[in-house]
Amino acid sequence: MTTTATVTSQELRQAPVKRWKVADVEALFGQPFFDLLFQAQTVHRRHFDANAIQRSTLLSIKTGGCSEDCGYCSQSARYDTGLERERLLPLDEVLNTARAAKAAGASRFCMGAAWRGPKDKDLQPVVDMVREVKKLGLETCVTLGMLQEGQAEALADAGLDYYNHNIDTAPEFYGQVITTHTLQDRLNTLQKVRGAGINVCCGGIIGMGESRKSRAALIAELANMDPAPESVPINNLVPIPGTPMAEAEGLDPFEFVRTIAAARITMPTSFVRLSAGRQEMSDELQALCFLAGANSMFYGDKLLTTGNPGTDRDLALFSRLGLSSL
């Protein structure tokens, strides 16, 4: 059995890339549910240990005050969500949280800052965080917004493993979610990240009122990147009071599982991560997601500003399902 430990980014770049049409991904969604899960689980077992889950912890190192207008986000300065703007956390506080995350079983430590993009004076403290967290023996990931020239290289020099920059939604639905940047702006930053030799963490959010075709288009957009992102977080919208999407109708849970399965089939060597919205999921729904090919999760009681299941609940679920940690 092949694992991602034996598949390098260079090998992925050299491998032929299947171009997924939106209609092809829609056809995956349209399969009978159990046929889709069987296909996804078959693909999953070709590339991963089906009973092992990678755990990441996400810390907000700079909260609130973002100038963007992302319609789902509690941290936008444009919306009254009751969130207080905070300064960048000091290094020692970040390291204390990272140590606790490692002790609890996380293997990757992710740091997020609510910026449209970092100024050079903002970046140096983050570079120091990356360097010091790496010394703890953790993989590192940051999400800082859109990068300027030279910033990806500075992060790479510090040893950054992953840069998270979600494309959020399908191209045709983008303007209904965000107007202060374009999808191409996002892709430009991802190109800088790739050029600096940093692994890409890129996914999206579903349950924002998009159609199934738009969900298929999101998956196709991700799968057609060359190479596909090494990590693909799939977020289930958590409606935040005060945001334009506060009243969004909840997504059918089986549709969420179908999205996970489509991501696994179209991106067979990527880690597919259960991200926002997991606190609202039952253990049974999470188990279906793992069966559909999810093999990564955000771990810890908070995701930036929203809740997440406690570590005790997750450890109990791992025990009940016979799962191990990567």
Protein backbone atom coordinates (compact mmCIF):
# COMPACT_ATOMS: atom_id res chain seq x y z
CA MET A 1 0.00 0.00 0.00
CA THR A 2 1.26 3.46 -0.93
CA THR A 3 1.12 6.33 1.54
CA THR A 4 1.77 10.02 1.05
CA ALA A 5 5.08 9.51 2.83
CA THR A 6 6.30 7.85 -0.36
CA VAL A 7 4.70 10.27 -2.81
CA THR A 8 6.66 13.51 -3.10
CA SER A 9 5.41 16.81 -4.52
CA GLN A 10 7.88 16.43 -7.39
CA GLU A 11 6.48 13.01 -8.24
CA LEU A 12 2.96 14.43 -8.16
CA ARG A 13 3.98 17.20 -10.55
CA GLN A 14 5.46 14.65 -12.95
CA ALA A 15 2.41 12.38 -12.86
CA PRO A 16 -0.19 12.89 -15.60
CA VAL A 17 -3.07 15.02 -14.32
CA LYS A 18 -6.59 13.91 -15.12
CA ARG A 19 -8.71 16.87 -16.14
CA TRP A 20 -12.06 16.66 -14.40
CA LYS A 21 -15.05 18.20 -16.13
CA VAL A 22 -17.73 19.61 -13.86
CA ALA A 23 -20.20 17.20 -15.47
CA ASP A 24 -17.93 14.26 -14.55
CA VAL A 25 -17.86 15.31 -10.90
CA GLU A 26 -21.62 15.91 -10.97
CA ALA A 27 -22.00 12.34 -12.20
CA LEU A 28 -20.10 11.14 -9.11
CA PHE A 29 -22.54 13.05 -6.90
CA GLY A 30 -25.44 11.49 -8.77
CA GLN A 31 -24.46 7.88 -8.08
CA PRO A 32 -26.42 5.82 -5.57
CA PHE A 33 -25.00 6.71 -2.16
CA PHE A 34 -23.50 3.33 -1.36
CA ASP A 35 -21.97 2.92 -4.82
CA LEU A 36 -20.26 6.30 -4.38
CA LEU A 37 -18.94 5.37 -0.94
CA PHE A 38 -17.65 2.04 -2.23
CA GLN A 39 -15.79 3.77 -5.05
CA ALA A 40 -14.33 6.38 -2.70
CA GLN A 41 -13.25 3.79 -0.13
CA THR A 42 -11.64 1.69 -2.86
CA VAL A 43 -9.63 4.70 -4.06
CA HIS A 44 -8.76 5.62 -0.49
CA ARG A 45 -7.34 2.19 0.33
CA ARG A 46 -5.06 2.29 -2.71
CA HIS A 47 -3.19 5.26 -1.27
CA PHE A 48 -3.73 5.40 2.50
CA ASP A 49 -4.21 3.37 5.62
CA ALA A 50 -8.01 3.42 5.83
CA ASN A 51 -7.93 3.41 9.63
CA ALA A 52 -5.50 6.27 10.24
CA ILE A 53 -6.42 9.95 10.61
CA GLN A 54 -4.07 12.94 10.57
CA ARG A 55 -4.85 15.53 13.28
CA SER A 56 -4.15 19.26 12.97
CA THR A 57 -4.70 22.02 15.52
CA LEU A 58 -5.61 25.52 14.33
CA LEU A 59 -4.87 28.66 16.34
CA SER A 60 -5.98 32.20 15.55
CA ILE A 61 -2.79 34.21 16.03
CA LYS A 62 -4.45 37.50 14.99
CA THR A 63 -8.23 37.74 15.35
CA GLY A 64 -10.75 40.12 13.77
CA GLY A 65 -10.56 43.34 11.80
CA CYS A 66 -10.13 41.84 8.34
CA SER A 67 -10.99 44.25 5.50
CA GLU A 68 -12.42 41.52 3.26
CA ASP A 69 -16.19 40.98 2.84
CA CYS A 70 -16.35 37.15 2.83
CA GLY A 71 -20.01 36.54 3.56
CA TYR A 72 -19.42 33.63 5.91
CA CYS A 73 -16.71 35.13 8.11
CA SER A 74 -17.01 36.34 11.69
CA GLN A 75 -13.70 38.20 11.40
CA SER A 76 -14.69 40.69 8.71
CA ALA A 77 -14.63 44.29 9.95
CA ARG A 78 -17.67 44.91 7.74
CA TYR A 79 -20.03 42.83 9.90
CA ASP A 80 -21.19 43.18 13.49
CA THR A 81 -20.58 39.70 14.87
CA GLY A 82 -19.60 40.71 18.40
CA LEU A 83 -16.01 39.66 17.80
CA GLU A 84 -13.35 41.85 19.36
CA ARG A 85 -10.34 42.78 17.24
CA GLU A 86 -7.10 41.45 18.76
CA ARG A 87 -3.42 42.03 18.13
CA LEU A 88 -0.98 39.39 16.93
CA LEU A 89 -0.33 36.89 19.72
CA PRO A 90 3.10 36.90 21.34
CA LEU A 91 5.48 34.09 20.43
CA ASP A 92 5.49 32.46 23.87
CA GLU A 93 1.69 32.14 23.89
CA VAL A 94 1.75 30.51 20.45
CA LEU A 95 4.47 28.06 21.54
CA ASN A 96 2.58 27.12 24.71
CA THR A 97 -0.49 26.30 22.61
CA ALA A 98 1.63 24.34 20.14
CA ARG A 99 3.19 22.28 22.93
CA ALA A 100 -0.27 21.49 24.31
CA ALA A 101 -1.50 20.50 20.85
CA LYS A 102 1.41 18.13 20.36
CA ALA A 103 0.87 16.59 23.80
CA ALA A 104 -2.79 16.01 22.89
CA GLY A 105 -1.83 14.15 19.71
CA ALA A 106 -1.77 16.75 16.92
CA SER A 107 0.95 16.32 14.29
CA ARG A 108 0.41 19.63 12.49
CA PHE A 109 0.04 23.10 13.97
CA CYS A 110 -1.78 25.68 11.89
CA MET A 111 -1.71 29.43 12.55
CA GLY A 112 -4.27 31.81 11.07
CA ALA A 113 -4.25 35.60 10.92
CA ALA A 114 -7.23 37.73 9.86
CA TRP A 115 -5.52 39.79 7.19
CA ARG A 116 -6.30 40.49 3.56
CA GLY A 117 -2.59 39.86 3.29
CA PRO A 118 0.38 40.47 5.59
CA LYS A 119 2.53 43.56 5.41
CA ASP A 120 6.24 42.83 5.54
CA LYS A 121 6.41 44.15 9.12
CA ASP A 122 3.66 41.69 10.09
CA LEU A 123 5.35 38.75 8.43
CA GLN A 124 8.56 38.63 10.47
CA PRO A 125 6.85 37.66 13.76
CA VAL A 126 5.00 34.90 11.89
CA VAL A 127 8.29 33.68 10.39
CA ASP A 128 9.65 33.44 13.95
CA MET A 129 6.57 31.45 15.00
CA VAL A 130 7.01 29.01 12.13
CA ARG A 131 10.68 28.48 12.92
CA GLU A 132 10.09 27.89 16.64
CA VAL A 133 7.05 25.62 16.19
CA LYS A 134 9.10 23.50 13.77
CA LYS A 135 11.66 23.01 16.54
CA LEU A 136 8.94 21.33 18.60
CA GLY A 137 8.71 18.55 16.01
CA LEU A 138 5.38 19.63 14.53
CA GLU A 139 4.48 20.21 10.89
CA THR A 140 3.64 23.87 10.35
CA CYS A 141 0.90 25.58 8.39
CA VAL A 142 -0.15 29.22 8.17
CA THR A 143 -3.08 31.04 6.60
CA LEU A 144 -2.34 34.74 6.23
CA GLY A 145 -4.29 35.83 3.17
CA MET A 146 -2.82 36.95 -0.13
CA LEU A 147 0.97 37.05 -0.33
CA GLN A 148 3.21 39.68 -1.91
CA GLU A 149 6.37 38.94 -3.85
CA GLY A 150 9.09 37.39 -1.69
CA GLN A 151 6.82 36.55 1.25
CA ALA A 152 6.34 32.89 0.32
CA GLU A 153 10.12 32.52 0.06
CA ALA A 154 10.56 34.03 3.55
CA LEU A 155 8.10 31.50 4.96
CA ALA A 156 9.81 28.67 3.09
CA ASP A 157 13.19 29.71 4.51
CA ALA A 158 11.68 29.42 8.01
CA GLY A 159 10.70 25.82 7.22
CA LEU A 160 6.97 26.25 6.58
CA ASP A 161 5.41 22.95 5.50
CA TYR A 162 1.94 24.06 4.31
CA TYR A 163 0.26 27.29 3.28
CA ASN A 164 -3.53 27.32 3.56
CA HIS A 165 -5.40 29.45 1.08
CA ASN A 166 -8.90 28.18 0.34
CA ILE A 167 -10.63 29.01 -2.93
CA ASP A 168 -13.89 28.84 -0.95
CA THR A 169 -16.42 28.09 -3.68
CA ALA A 170 -17.08 27.53 -7.37
CA PRO A 171 -16.04 30.19 -9.90
CA GLU A 172 -19.63 30.99 -10.92
CA PHE A 173 -20.78 31.35 -7.30
CA TYR A 174 -17.81 33.39 -6.14
CA GLY A 175 -19.37 36.84 -6.48
CA GLN A 176 -22.27 35.83 -4.26
CA VAL A 177 -19.85 35.08 -1.42
CA ILE A 178 -16.95 37.55 -1.82
CA THR A 179 -16.50 40.78 -3.80
CA THR A 180 -13.25 42.20 -2.34
CA HIS A 181 -11.04 39.71 -4.15
CA THR A 182 -11.39 37.33 -7.06
CA LEU A 183 -10.72 33.65 -7.50
CA GLN A 184 -7.75 34.60 -9.66
CA ASP A 185 -6.31 36.59 -6.74
CA ARG A 186 -6.40 33.38 -4.71
CA LEU A 187 -4.82 31.35 -7.48
CA ASN A 188 -2.03 33.91 -7.82
CA THR A 189 -1.06 33.42 -4.17
CA LEU A 190 -1.17 29.64 -4.57
CA GLN A 191 1.21 29.99 -7.51
CA LYS A 192 3.62 31.94 -5.28
CA VAL A 193 3.37 29.22 -2.62
CA ARG A 194 4.11 26.47 -5.15
CA GLY A 195 6.98 28.46 -6.56
CA ALA A 196 8.57 28.67 -3.10
CA GLY A 197 8.35 24.89 -2.66
CA ILE A 198 5.69 24.96 0.07
CA ASN A 199 2.92 22.37 0.16
CA VAL A 200 -0.56 23.66 -0.62
CA CYS A 201 -3.55 23.35 1.71
CA CYS A 202 -6.60 24.46 -0.26
CA GLY A 203 -10.27 23.59 -0.05
CA GLY A 204 -13.62 25.26 0.27
CA ILE A 205 -16.88 25.77 2.11
CA ILE A 206 -20.18 24.11 1.27
CA GLY A 207 -23.65 24.80 2.57
CA MET A 208 -23.62 28.49 1.57
CA GLY A 209 -26.67 28.17 -0.67
CA GLU A 210 -24.77 26.87 -3.69
CA SER A 211 -26.20 24.23 -6.02
CA ARG A 212 -24.90 20.69 -6.36
CA LYS A 213 -23.40 21.76 -9.68
CA SER A 214 -21.46 24.47 -7.83
CA ARG A 215 -20.20 21.91 -5.32
CA ALA A 216 -19.07 19.76 -8.22
CA ALA A 217 -17.40 22.80 -9.81
CA LEU A 218 -15.51 23.53 -6.57
CA ILE A 219 -14.19 19.96 -6.45
CA ALA A 220 -13.25 20.08 -10.14
CA GLU A 221 -11.39 23.37 -9.65
CA LEU A 222 -9.35 21.84 -6.82
CA ALA A 223 -8.73 18.52 -8.56
CA ASN A 224 -7.53 20.23 -11.75
CA MET A 225 -4.75 22.12 -9.99
CA ASP A 226 -1.38 20.81 -11.11
CA PRO A 227 -0.68 19.13 -8.79
CA ALA A 228 -3.78 18.91 -6.63
CA PRO A 229 -3.43 20.38 -3.12
CA GLU A 230 -1.66 18.09 -0.68
CA SER A 231 -4.34 18.93 1.90
CA VAL A 232 -7.98 19.65 1.05
CA PRO A 233 -10.09 21.04 3.92
CA ILE A 234 -13.82 20.67 3.33
CA ASN A 235 -15.76 23.07 5.56
CA ASN A 236 -19.47 22.78 6.32
CA LEU A 237 -20.74 26.33 6.82
CA VAL A 238 -21.21 27.42 10.43
CA PRO A 239 -23.73 30.29 10.14
CA ILE A 240 -22.43 33.26 12.15
CA PRO A 241 -24.97 35.81 13.45
CA GLY A 242 -24.26 39.19 11.90
CA THR A 243 -22.85 37.83 8.64
CA PRO A 244 -24.78 37.75 5.34
CA MET A 245 -24.99 33.96 5.60
CA ALA A 246 -26.37 33.86 9.13
CA GLU A 247 -29.65 32.38 7.91
CA ALA A 248 -28.23 29.90 5.40
CA GLU A 249 -30.18 26.68 5.25
CA GLY A 250 -28.28 23.67 6.56
CA LEU A 251 -26.90 21.19 4.03
CA ASP A 252 -28.27 17.65 3.84
CA PRO A 253 -25.70 15.54 5.76
CA PHE A 254 -25.60 12.93 3.00
CA GLU A 255 -24.74 15.69 0.52
CA PHE A 256 -21.78 16.61 2.71
CA VAL A 257 -20.62 12.98 2.66
CA ARG A 258 -21.02 12.91 -1.11
CA THR A 259 -18.75 15.96 -1.33
CA ILE A 260 -16.09 14.22 0.74
CA ALA A 261 -16.34 11.14 -1.49
CA ALA A 262 -16.04 13.24 -4.65
CA ALA A 263 -12.95 14.94 -3.23
CA ARG A 264 -11.36 11.58 -2.42
CA ILE A 265 -12.05 10.10 -5.86
CA THR A 266 -10.80 13.16 -7.77
CA MET A 267 -7.79 13.81 -5.49
CA PRO A 268 -6.68 10.30 -4.52
CA THR A 269 -3.32 11.19 -2.94
CA SER A 270 -4.46 14.31 -1.04
CA PHE A 271 -5.36 14.48 2.61
CA VAL A 272 -9.08 15.32 2.75
CA ARG A 273 -9.82 17.14 6.00
CA LEU A 274 -12.99 17.52 8.03
CA SER A 275 -12.83 21.18 9.02
CA ALA A 276 -15.41 23.75 10.17
CA GLY A 277 -18.81 22.41 11.14
CA ARG A 278 -17.59 19.23 12.77
CA GLN A 279 -18.94 20.23 16.18
CA GLU A 280 -22.46 20.04 14.75
CA MET A 281 -21.87 16.58 13.24
CA SER A 282 -22.89 13.38 14.97
CA ASP A 283 -20.33 10.65 15.50
CA GLU A 284 -22.21 8.59 12.93
CA LEU A 285 -21.94 11.33 10.30
CA GLN A 286 -18.21 11.70 10.94
CA ALA A 287 -17.80 7.94 10.58
CA LEU A 288 -19.50 8.10 7.16
CA CYS A 289 -17.10 10.88 6.18
CA PHE A 290 -14.11 8.73 7.17
CA LEU A 291 -15.62 5.87 5.16
CA ALA A 292 -15.95 8.27 2.20
CA GLY A 293 -12.23 9.04 2.34
CA ALA A 294 -11.70 11.85 4.85
CA ASN A 295 -8.41 11.13 6.60
CA SER A 296 -7.58 14.38 8.34
CA MET A 297 -9.37 16.56 10.88
CA PHE A 298 -8.98 19.73 12.85
CA TYR A 299 -8.43 18.71 16.45
CA GLY A 300 -8.93 20.83 19.55
CA ASP A 301 -11.82 22.76 21.04
CA LYS A 302 -11.67 25.80 18.75
CA LEU A 303 -11.20 26.61 15.05
CA LEU A 304 -10.15 30.25 14.83
CA THR A 305 -13.41 31.69 16.24
CA THR A 306 -15.85 28.78 16.01
CA GLY A 307 -16.28 25.73 18.21
CA ASN A 308 -14.91 22.26 17.56
CA PRO A 309 -15.44 18.94 19.36
CA GLY A 310 -13.39 18.51 22.51
CA THR A 311 -10.40 16.18 22.42
CA ASP A 312 -12.15 13.75 24.80
CA ARG A 313 -15.01 13.29 22.35
CA ASP A 314 -12.60 12.76 19.47
CA LEU A 315 -10.48 10.25 21.38
CA ALA A 316 -13.65 8.35 22.30
CA LEU A 317 -14.71 8.31 18.65
CA PHE A 318 -11.28 7.04 17.58
CA SER A 319 -11.57 4.27 20.14
CA ARG A 320 -15.08 3.28 19.03
CA LEU A 321 -14.04 3.14 15.36
CA GLY A 322 -10.62 1.56 15.90
CA LEU A 323 -8.84 4.54 14.31
CA SER A 324 -5.21 5.45 14.85
CA SER A 325 -3.39 8.76 14.40
CA LEU A 326 -0.93 9.74 11.71
